[in-house]
């Protein structure tokens, strides 16, 4: 873990999926699902399933192939002594309620993403739910957790809440965040990460939005990896019985 901390300390970045100044959710057209695993992996690698929106799938302005935050995180974890076997589904335009170009919500994706071999599930997002009713988002998240429990009752879960482009997220997105946190709090194997409270894309980090004004650049994906990797590493420590 000391090596992981050292690697994280020397990197920089920042990004977001954003609107202009309208404080409304963005639908990003897409007809593809980013699904990947990265073989070969060590036999003792922890099996991790990641589900997210276009922050996870990558876009025309960054985050494709080795520059994607999930791949950068995999490398950081391996360098820190935590090898992982990643399965990634990036559903551009989707959230817990919103349907993107794939026609699936995060909750719809659970059966195809999580198996009885999955040890850790990470769900990230989504700004795409920004105009949805907080209760509807929370209800879908509850169903997603139930499906994870059914598919992988032993798995730990990290839920990363919705993100925003600056330090002033719209009121409904804050309400969605609060509803998710309340729902997640009832599940002992689930931890919640709050990008809004942590200001992931506030201030200087907004400079790593790409030319489309919506998506993170490659450097932005590096920033995401630096933010998320310690959360995955902490979950792996719990899985491995570490302190």
C-alpha atoms as a PDB file:
ATOM      1  CA  UNK A   1       0.000   0.000   0.000  1.00  0.00           C
ATOM      2  CA  UNK A   2       2.953   2.387   0.615  1.00  0.00           C
ATOM      3  CA  UNK A   3       4.020   1.900  -2.992  1.00  0.00           C
ATOM      4  CA  UNK A   4       0.479   2.622  -4.189  1.00  0.00           C
ATOM      5  CA  UNK A   5       0.415   5.840  -2.150  1.00  0.00           C
ATOM      6  CA  UNK A   6       3.738   6.916  -3.626  1.00  0.00           C
ATOM      7  CA  UNK A   7       2.519   6.293  -7.162  1.00  0.00           C
ATOM      8  CA  UNK A   8      -0.631   8.288  -6.538  1.00  0.00           C
ATOM      9  CA  UNK A   9       1.282  11.175  -4.977  1.00  0.00           C
ATOM     10  CA  UNK A  10       3.202  12.008  -8.136  1.00  0.00           C
ATOM     11  CA  UNK A  11       0.275  12.154 -10.583  1.00  0.00           C
ATOM     12  CA  UNK A  12      -2.085  14.997 -11.466  1.00  0.00           C
ATOM     13  CA  UNK A  13      -5.388  15.434 -13.313  1.00  0.00           C
ATOM     14  CA  UNK A  14      -9.106  16.185 -13.280  1.00  0.00           C
ATOM     15  CA  UNK A  15     -12.296  15.894 -15.329  1.00  0.00           C
ATOM     16  CA  UNK A  16     -16.064  15.620 -15.599  1.00  0.00           C
ATOM     17  CA  UNK A  17     -19.066  14.726 -17.666  1.00  0.00           C
ATOM     18  CA  UNK A  18     -20.773  18.073 -17.764  1.00  0.00           C
ATOM     19  CA  UNK A  19     -23.344  20.375 -19.232  1.00  0.00           C
ATOM     20  CA  UNK A  20     -22.627  23.939 -20.201  1.00  0.00           C
ATOM     21  CA  UNK A  21     -24.061  26.312 -17.612  1.00  0.00           C
ATOM     22  CA  UNK A  22     -27.617  25.047 -17.635  1.00  0.00           C
ATOM     23  CA  UNK A  23     -27.305  22.824 -14.534  1.00  0.00           C
ATOM     24  CA  UNK A  24     -29.197  20.029 -16.289  1.00  0.00           C
ATOM     25  CA  UNK A  25     -28.359  16.445 -17.087  1.00  0.00           C
ATOM     26  CA  UNK A  26     -26.661  15.518 -20.322  1.00  0.00           C
ATOM     27  CA  UNK A  27     -27.533  12.667 -22.644  1.00  0.00           C
ATOM     28  CA  UNK A  28     -24.445  11.693 -24.612  1.00  0.00           C
ATOM     29  CA  UNK A  29     -25.315   9.755 -27.781  1.00  0.00           C
ATOM     30  CA  UNK A  30     -23.760   6.330 -27.938  1.00  0.00           C
ATOM     31  CA  UNK A  31     -24.609   2.950 -29.325  1.00  0.00           C
ATOM     32  CA  UNK A  32     -21.732   1.018 -27.824  1.00  0.00           C
ATOM     33  CA  UNK A  33     -21.012  -0.721 -24.555  1.00  0.00           C
ATOM     34  CA  UNK A  34     -17.426  -0.735 -23.385  1.00  0.00           C
ATOM     35  CA  UNK A  35     -16.891  -4.235 -22.033  1.00  0.00           C
ATOM     36  CA  UNK A  36     -13.390  -5.414 -21.346  1.00  0.00           C
ATOM     37  CA  UNK A  37     -11.208  -7.712 -19.359  1.00  0.00           C
ATOM     38  CA  UNK A  38      -7.436  -7.501 -19.281  1.00  0.00           C
ATOM     39  CA  UNK A  39      -5.739 -10.920 -19.554  1.00  0.00           C
ATOM     40  CA  UNK A  40      -3.506 -12.417 -18.499  1.00  0.00           C
ATOM     41  CA  UNK A  41      -3.905 -11.865 -14.778  1.00  0.00           C
ATOM     42  CA  UNK A  42      -2.310 -13.531 -11.756  1.00  0.00           C
ATOM     43  CA  UNK A  43      -4.214 -16.466 -10.325  1.00  0.00           C
ATOM     44  CA  UNK A  44      -4.687 -14.573  -7.047  1.00  0.00           C
ATOM     45  CA  UNK A  45      -6.116 -11.456  -8.716  1.00  0.00           C
ATOM     46  CA  UNK A  46      -9.285 -10.070  -7.164  1.00  0.00           C
ATOM     47  CA  UNK A  47     -12.226 -10.209  -9.571  1.00  0.00           C
ATOM     48  CA  UNK A  48     -13.717  -6.727  -9.915  1.00  0.00           C
ATOM     49  CA  UNK A  49     -16.769  -5.687 -11.963  1.00  0.00           C
ATOM     50  CA  UNK A  50     -17.156  -1.998 -12.827  1.00  0.00           C
ATOM     51  CA  UNK A  51     -20.332  -0.407 -14.194  1.00  0.00           C
ATOM     52  CA  UNK A  52     -20.568   3.245 -15.191  1.00  0.00           C
ATOM     53  CA  UNK A  53     -21.576   5.808 -17.779  1.00  0.00           C
ATOM     54  CA  UNK A  54     -19.474   7.656 -20.374  1.00  0.00           C
ATOM     55  CA  UNK A  55     -16.949   8.508 -17.671  1.00  0.00           C
ATOM     56  CA  UNK A  56     -16.230   4.789 -17.679  1.00  0.00           C
ATOM     57  CA  UNK A  57     -16.661   4.024 -21.382  1.00  0.00           C
ATOM     58  CA  UNK A  58     -14.388   6.810 -22.592  1.00  0.00           C
ATOM     59  CA  UNK A  59     -15.248   9.286 -25.334  1.00  0.00           C
ATOM     60  CA  UNK A  60     -13.887  10.997 -28.433  1.00  0.00           C
ATOM     61  CA  UNK A  61     -11.876  13.405 -26.262  1.00  0.00           C
ATOM     62  CA  UNK A  62     -10.213  10.891 -23.962  1.00  0.00           C
ATOM     63  CA  UNK A  63     -10.215   7.738 -21.907  1.00  0.00           C
ATOM     64  CA  UNK A  64      -9.882   5.173 -24.668  1.00  0.00           C
ATOM     65  CA  UNK A  65      -7.814   1.994 -24.423  1.00  0.00           C
ATOM     66  CA  UNK A  66      -4.865   2.271 -22.029  1.00  0.00           C
ATOM     67  CA  UNK A  67      -5.823   5.859 -21.143  1.00  0.00           C
ATOM     68  CA  UNK A  68      -9.162   4.818 -19.622  1.00  0.00           C
ATOM     69  CA  UNK A  69      -9.360   5.317 -15.867  1.00  0.00           C
ATOM     70  CA  UNK A  70     -10.168   1.651 -15.306  1.00  0.00           C
ATOM     71  CA  UNK A  71      -6.974   0.546 -17.057  1.00  0.00           C
ATOM     72  CA  UNK A  72      -4.880   3.171 -15.263  1.00  0.00           C
ATOM     73  CA  UNK A  73      -6.382   2.000 -11.968  1.00  0.00           C
ATOM     74  CA  UNK A  74      -5.576  -1.611 -12.833  1.00  0.00           C
ATOM     75  CA  UNK A  75      -1.939  -0.668 -13.395  1.00  0.00           C
ATOM     76  CA  UNK A  76      -1.747   1.343 -10.167  1.00  0.00           C
ATOM     77  CA  UNK A  77      -3.296  -1.499  -8.198  1.00  0.00           C
ATOM     78  CA  UNK A  78      -0.901  -4.047  -9.686  1.00  0.00           C
ATOM     79  CA  UNK A  79       2.074  -1.797  -8.916  1.00  0.00           C
ATOM     80  CA  UNK A  80       0.836  -1.514  -5.339  1.00  0.00           C
ATOM     81  CA  UNK A  81       0.607  -5.283  -4.945  1.00  0.00           C
ATOM     82  CA  UNK A  82      -3.131  -5.620  -5.576  1.00  0.00           C
ATOM     83  CA  UNK A  83      -3.634  -7.370  -8.944  1.00  0.00           C
ATOM     84  CA  UNK A  84      -7.193  -7.314 -10.252  1.00  0.00           C
ATOM     85  CA  UNK A  85      -9.134  -9.116 -12.952  1.00  0.00           C
ATOM     86  CA  UNK A  86     -11.387  -6.350 -14.309  1.00  0.00           C
ATOM     87  CA  UNK A  87     -14.695  -6.647 -16.120  1.00  0.00           C
ATOM     88  CA  UNK A  88     -15.882  -3.211 -17.261  1.00  0.00           C
ATOM     89  CA  UNK A  89     -19.202  -2.032 -18.666  1.00  0.00           C
ATOM     90  CA  UNK A  90     -19.420   1.619 -19.689  1.00  0.00           C
ATOM     91  CA  UNK A  91     -22.971   2.586 -20.618  1.00  0.00           C
ATOM     92  CA  UNK A  92     -22.770   6.024 -22.212  1.00  0.00           C
ATOM     93  CA  UNK A  93     -25.798   8.188 -21.436  1.00  0.00           C
ATOM     94  CA  UNK A  94     -27.125   5.781 -18.813  1.00  0.00           C
ATOM     95  CA  UNK A  95     -27.674   5.920 -15.076  1.00  0.00           C
ATOM     96  CA  UNK A  96     -29.807   4.101 -12.547  1.00  0.00           C
ATOM     97  CA  UNK A  97     -32.934   5.463 -14.252  1.00  0.00           C
ATOM     98  CA  UNK A  98     -31.841   6.994 -17.548  1.00  0.00           C
ATOM     99  CA  UNK A  99     -31.437   4.798 -20.615  1.00  0.00           C
ATOM    100  CA  UNK A 100     -28.460   5.614 -22.803  1.00  0.00           C
ATOM    101  CA  UNK A 101     -27.630   4.435 -26.299  1.00  0.00           C
ATOM    102  CA  UNK A 102     -27.319   0.848 -25.100  1.00  0.00           C
ATOM    103  CA  UNK A 103     -30.932   0.769 -23.905  1.00  0.00           C
ATOM    104  CA  UNK A 104     -29.804  -0.356 -20.442  1.00  0.00           C
ATOM    105  CA  UNK A 105     -29.667   1.232 -17.020  1.00  0.00           C
ATOM    106  CA  UNK A 106     -26.945   0.422 -14.502  1.00  0.00           C
ATOM    107  CA  UNK A 107     -29.412  -1.904 -12.805  1.00  0.00           C
ATOM    108  CA  UNK A 108     -30.177  -3.682 -16.086  1.00  0.00           C
ATOM    109  CA  UNK A 109     -26.451  -4.307 -16.560  1.00  0.00           C
ATOM    110  CA  UNK A 110     -25.951  -6.144 -13.250  1.00  0.00           C
ATOM    111  CA  UNK A 111     -26.888  -9.662 -14.469  1.00  0.00           C
ATOM    112  CA  UNK A 112     -24.384  -9.490 -17.311  1.00  0.00           C
ATOM    113  CA  UNK A 113     -21.636  -7.885 -15.265  1.00  0.00           C
ATOM    114  CA  UNK A 114     -21.696  -9.726 -11.935  1.00  0.00           C
ATOM    115  CA  UNK A 115     -21.222 -13.477 -11.437  1.00  0.00           C
ATOM    116  CA  UNK A 116     -20.758 -15.775  -8.479  1.00  0.00           C
ATOM    117  CA  UNK A 117     -17.002 -15.323  -8.989  1.00  0.00           C
ATOM    118  CA  UNK A 118     -17.141 -11.532  -8.593  1.00  0.00           C
ATOM    119  CA  UNK A 119     -15.488 -10.330  -5.396  1.00  0.00           C
ATOM    120  CA  UNK A 120     -15.942  -6.562  -5.724  1.00  0.00           C
ATOM    121  CA  UNK A 121     -18.492  -4.458  -7.612  1.00  0.00           C
ATOM    122  CA  UNK A 122     -17.954  -0.763  -8.366  1.00  0.00           C
ATOM    123  CA  UNK A 123     -20.839   1.334  -9.731  1.00  0.00           C
ATOM    124  CA  UNK A 124     -19.976   4.921 -10.746  1.00  0.00           C
ATOM    125  CA  UNK A 125     -22.503   7.679 -11.538  1.00  0.00           C
ATOM    126  CA  UNK A 126     -24.490   9.202 -12.804  1.00  0.00           C
ATOM    127  CA  UNK A 127     -24.952  12.759 -13.922  1.00  0.00           C
ATOM    128  CA  UNK A 128     -27.366  11.335 -16.497  1.00  0.00           C
ATOM    129  CA  UNK A 129     -29.914  10.805 -13.728  1.00  0.00           C
ATOM    130  CA  UNK A 130     -29.816  14.524 -12.928  1.00  0.00           C
ATOM    131  CA  UNK A 131     -33.396  15.240 -14.014  1.00  0.00           C
ATOM    132  CA  UNK A 132     -34.840  12.059 -12.482  1.00  0.00           C
ATOM    133  CA  UNK A 133     -36.784  11.819  -9.249  1.00  0.00           C
ATOM    134  CA  UNK A 134     -34.416  11.054  -6.345  1.00  0.00           C
ATOM    135  CA  UNK A 135     -36.792   8.378  -5.067  1.00  0.00           C
ATOM    136  CA  UNK A 136     -36.749   6.629  -8.450  1.00  0.00           C
ATOM    137  CA  UNK A 137     -32.943   6.645  -8.533  1.00  0.00           C
ATOM    138  CA  UNK A 138     -32.779   5.269  -5.002  1.00  0.00           C
ATOM    139  CA  UNK A 139     -35.329   2.562  -5.840  1.00  0.00           C
ATOM    140  CA  UNK A 140     -33.316   1.436  -8.864  1.00  0.00           C
ATOM    141  CA  UNK A 141     -30.119   1.451  -6.809  1.00  0.00           C
ATOM    142  CA  UNK A 142     -31.819  -0.732  -4.210  1.00  0.00           C
ATOM    143  CA  UNK A 143     -32.805  -3.176  -6.948  1.00  0.00           C
ATOM    144  CA  UNK A 144     -29.236  -3.126  -8.275  1.00  0.00           C
ATOM    145  CA  UNK A 145     -27.927  -4.055  -4.821  1.00  0.00           C
ATOM    146  CA  UNK A 146     -30.474  -6.860  -4.569  1.00  0.00           C
ATOM    147  CA  UNK A 147     -29.311  -8.230  -7.915  1.00  0.00           C
ATOM    148  CA  UNK A 148     -25.695  -8.038  -6.812  1.00  0.00           C
ATOM    149  CA  UNK A 149     -26.611  -9.920  -3.633  1.00  0.00           C
ATOM    150  CA  UNK A 150     -28.305 -12.611  -5.690  1.00  0.00           C
ATOM    151  CA  UNK A 151     -25.423 -13.002  -8.146  1.00  0.00           C
ATOM    152  CA  UNK A 152     -22.510 -12.591  -5.736  1.00  0.00           C
ATOM    153  CA  UNK A 153     -23.651 -12.677  -2.107  1.00  0.00           C
ATOM    154  CA  UNK A 154     -20.056 -12.551  -0.871  1.00  0.00           C
ATOM    155  CA  UNK A 155     -18.997  -9.519  -2.930  1.00  0.00           C
ATOM    156  CA  UNK A 156     -18.196  -6.121  -1.498  1.00  0.00           C
ATOM    157  CA  UNK A 157     -19.712  -3.118  -3.266  1.00  0.00           C
ATOM    158  CA  UNK A 158     -18.436   0.425  -3.771  1.00  0.00           C
ATOM    159  CA  UNK A 159     -21.058   2.885  -4.975  1.00  0.00           C
ATOM    160  CA  UNK A 160     -19.623   6.119  -6.352  1.00  0.00           C
ATOM    161  CA  UNK A 161     -22.314   8.764  -6.504  1.00  0.00           C
ATOM    162  CA  UNK A 162     -23.053  11.302  -9.230  1.00  0.00           C
ATOM    163  CA  UNK A 163     -20.429  13.818 -10.286  1.00  0.00           C
ATOM    164  CA  UNK A 164     -20.676  17.457 -11.358  1.00  0.00           C
ATOM    165  CA  UNK A 165     -18.550  19.950 -13.275  1.00  0.00           C
ATOM    166  CA  UNK A 166     -17.869  22.451 -10.496  1.00  0.00           C
ATOM    167  CA  UNK A 167     -18.501  23.281  -6.848  1.00  0.00           C
ATOM    168  CA  UNK A 168     -22.161  24.211  -7.438  1.00  0.00           C
ATOM    169  CA  UNK A 169     -24.151  21.068  -8.347  1.00  0.00           C
ATOM    170  CA  UNK A 170     -27.888  21.513  -8.966  1.00  0.00           C
ATOM    171  CA  UNK A 171     -30.264  20.900  -6.092  1.00  0.00           C
ATOM    172  CA  UNK A 172     -31.820  17.803  -7.643  1.00  0.00           C
ATOM    173  CA  UNK A 173     -28.438  16.131  -8.096  1.00  0.00           C
ATOM    174  CA  UNK A 174     -27.681  16.787  -4.434  1.00  0.00           C
ATOM    175  CA  UNK A 175     -31.050  15.253  -3.534  1.00  0.00           C
ATOM    176  CA  UNK A 176     -30.214  12.204  -5.674  1.00  0.00           C
ATOM    177  CA  UNK A 177     -26.871  11.908  -3.892  1.00  0.00           C
ATOM    178  CA  UNK A 178     -28.614  12.052  -0.518  1.00  0.00           C
ATOM    179  CA  UNK A 179     -31.188   9.433  -1.541  1.00  0.00           C
ATOM    180  CA  UNK A 180     -28.445   7.094  -2.757  1.00  0.00           C
ATOM    181  CA  UNK A 181     -26.460   7.546   0.453  1.00  0.00           C
ATOM    182  CA  UNK A 182     -29.523   6.721   2.549  1.00  0.00           C
ATOM    183  CA  UNK A 183     -30.291   3.593   0.525  1.00  0.00           C
ATOM    184  CA  UNK A 184     -26.703   2.410   0.621  1.00  0.00           C
ATOM    185  CA  UNK A 185     -26.428   3.006   4.352  1.00  0.00           C
ATOM    186  CA  UNK A 186     -28.782   0.075   4.978  1.00  0.00           C
ATOM    187  CA  UNK A 187     -26.361  -2.399   3.346  1.00  0.00           C
ATOM    188  CA  UNK A 188     -23.396  -3.488   5.496  1.00  0.00           C
ATOM    189  CA  UNK A 189     -21.213  -4.695   2.598  1.00  0.00           C
ATOM    190  CA  UNK A 190     -21.618  -1.467   0.627  1.00  0.00           C
ATOM    191  CA  UNK A 191     -19.545   1.704   0.909  1.00  0.00           C
ATOM    192  CA  UNK A 192     -20.418   5.082  -0.598  1.00  0.00           C
ATOM    193  CA  UNK A 193     -18.054   7.562  -2.258  1.00  0.00           C
ATOM    194  CA  UNK A 194     -19.353  11.123  -2.730  1.00  0.00           C
ATOM    195  CA  UNK A 195     -17.716  13.039  -5.632  1.00  0.00           C
ATOM    196  CA  UNK A 196     -19.934  16.068  -4.966  1.00  0.00           C
ATOM    197  CA  UNK A 197     -18.831  16.475  -1.355  1.00  0.00           C
ATOM    198  CA  UNK A 198     -15.209  15.816  -2.329  1.00  0.00           C
ATOM    199  CA  UNK A 199     -15.317  18.298  -5.212  1.00  0.00           C
ATOM    200  CA  UNK A 200     -13.836  15.912  -7.745  1.00  0.00           C
ATOM    201  CA  UNK A 201     -14.382  18.305 -10.627  1.00  0.00           C
ATOM    202  CA  UNK A 202     -14.412  21.664  -8.854  1.00  0.00           C
ATOM    203  CA  UNK A 203     -11.887  24.449  -9.292  1.00  0.00           C
ATOM    204  CA  UNK A 204      -8.660  23.516 -11.049  1.00  0.00           C
ATOM    205  CA  UNK A 205      -9.919  20.073 -12.030  1.00  0.00           C
ATOM    206  CA  UNK A 206     -12.405  21.589 -14.496  1.00  0.00           C
ATOM    207  CA  UNK A 207      -9.468  22.327 -16.805  1.00  0.00           C
ATOM    208  CA  UNK A 208      -9.313  18.656 -17.717  1.00  0.00           C
ATOM    209  CA  UNK A 209     -12.639  18.656 -19.536  1.00  0.00           C
ATOM    210  CA  UNK A 210     -12.163  17.961 -23.215  1.00  0.00           C
ATOM    211  CA  UNK A 211     -12.930  20.145 -26.201  1.00  0.00           C
ATOM    212  CA  UNK A 212     -16.522  18.870 -26.291  1.00  0.00           C
ATOM    213  CA  UNK A 213     -17.156  20.515 -22.932  1.00  0.00           C
ATOM    214  CA  UNK A 214     -18.550  17.259 -21.594  1.00  0.00           C
ATOM    215  CA  UNK A 215     -15.981  14.525 -21.165  1.00  0.00           C
ATOM    216  CA  UNK A 216     -12.632  14.083 -19.439  1.00  0.00           C
ATOM    217  CA  UNK A 217      -9.409  14.093 -21.380  1.00  0.00           C
ATOM    218  CA  UNK A 218      -6.788  11.394 -20.940  1.00  0.00           C
ATOM    219  CA  UNK A 219      -5.361  13.429 -18.069  1.00  0.00           C
ATOM    220  CA  UNK A 220      -8.868  13.602 -16.639  1.00  0.00           C
ATOM    221  CA  UNK A 221      -9.110   9.821 -16.703  1.00  0.00           C
ATOM    222  CA  UNK A 222      -5.783   9.676 -14.884  1.00  0.00           C
ATOM    223  CA  UNK A 223      -7.321  11.915 -12.225  1.00  0.00           C
ATOM    224  CA  UNK A 224     -10.310   9.600 -11.915  1.00  0.00           C
ATOM    225  CA  UNK A 225      -7.990   6.633 -11.482  1.00  0.00           C
ATOM    226  CA  UNK A 226      -6.110   8.431  -8.725  1.00  0.00           C
ATOM    227  CA  UNK A 227      -9.372   9.166  -6.906  1.00  0.00           C
ATOM    228  CA  UNK A 228     -10.911   5.726  -7.267  1.00  0.00           C
ATOM    229  CA  UNK A 229      -7.895   3.421  -6.919  1.00  0.00           C
ATOM    230  CA  UNK A 230      -7.508   3.943  -3.138  1.00  0.00           C
ATOM    231  CA  UNK A 231     -11.171   3.001  -2.656  1.00  0.00           C
ATOM    232  CA  UNK A 232     -10.692  -0.214  -4.610  1.00  0.00           C
ATOM    233  CA  UNK A 233      -7.468  -0.958  -2.746  1.00  0.00           C
ATOM    234  CA  UNK A 234      -9.222  -0.494   0.609  1.00  0.00           C
ATOM    235  CA  UNK A 235     -11.939  -2.923  -0.448  1.00  0.00           C
ATOM    236  CA  UNK A 236      -9.304  -5.433  -1.554  1.00  0.00           C
ATOM    237  CA  UNK A 237      -7.652  -5.149   1.865  1.00  0.00           C
ATOM    238  CA  UNK A 238     -10.995  -6.086   3.427  1.00  0.00           C
ATOM    239  CA  UNK A 239     -11.462  -8.985   1.031  1.00  0.00           C
ATOM    240  CA  UNK A 240      -7.955 -10.225   1.776  1.00  0.00           C
ATOM    241  CA  UNK A 241      -8.370  -9.791   5.519  1.00  0.00           C
ATOM    242  CA  UNK A 242      -5.834  -6.998   5.635  1.00  0.00           C
ATOM    243  CA  UNK A 243      -5.874  -4.146   8.111  1.00  0.00           C
END
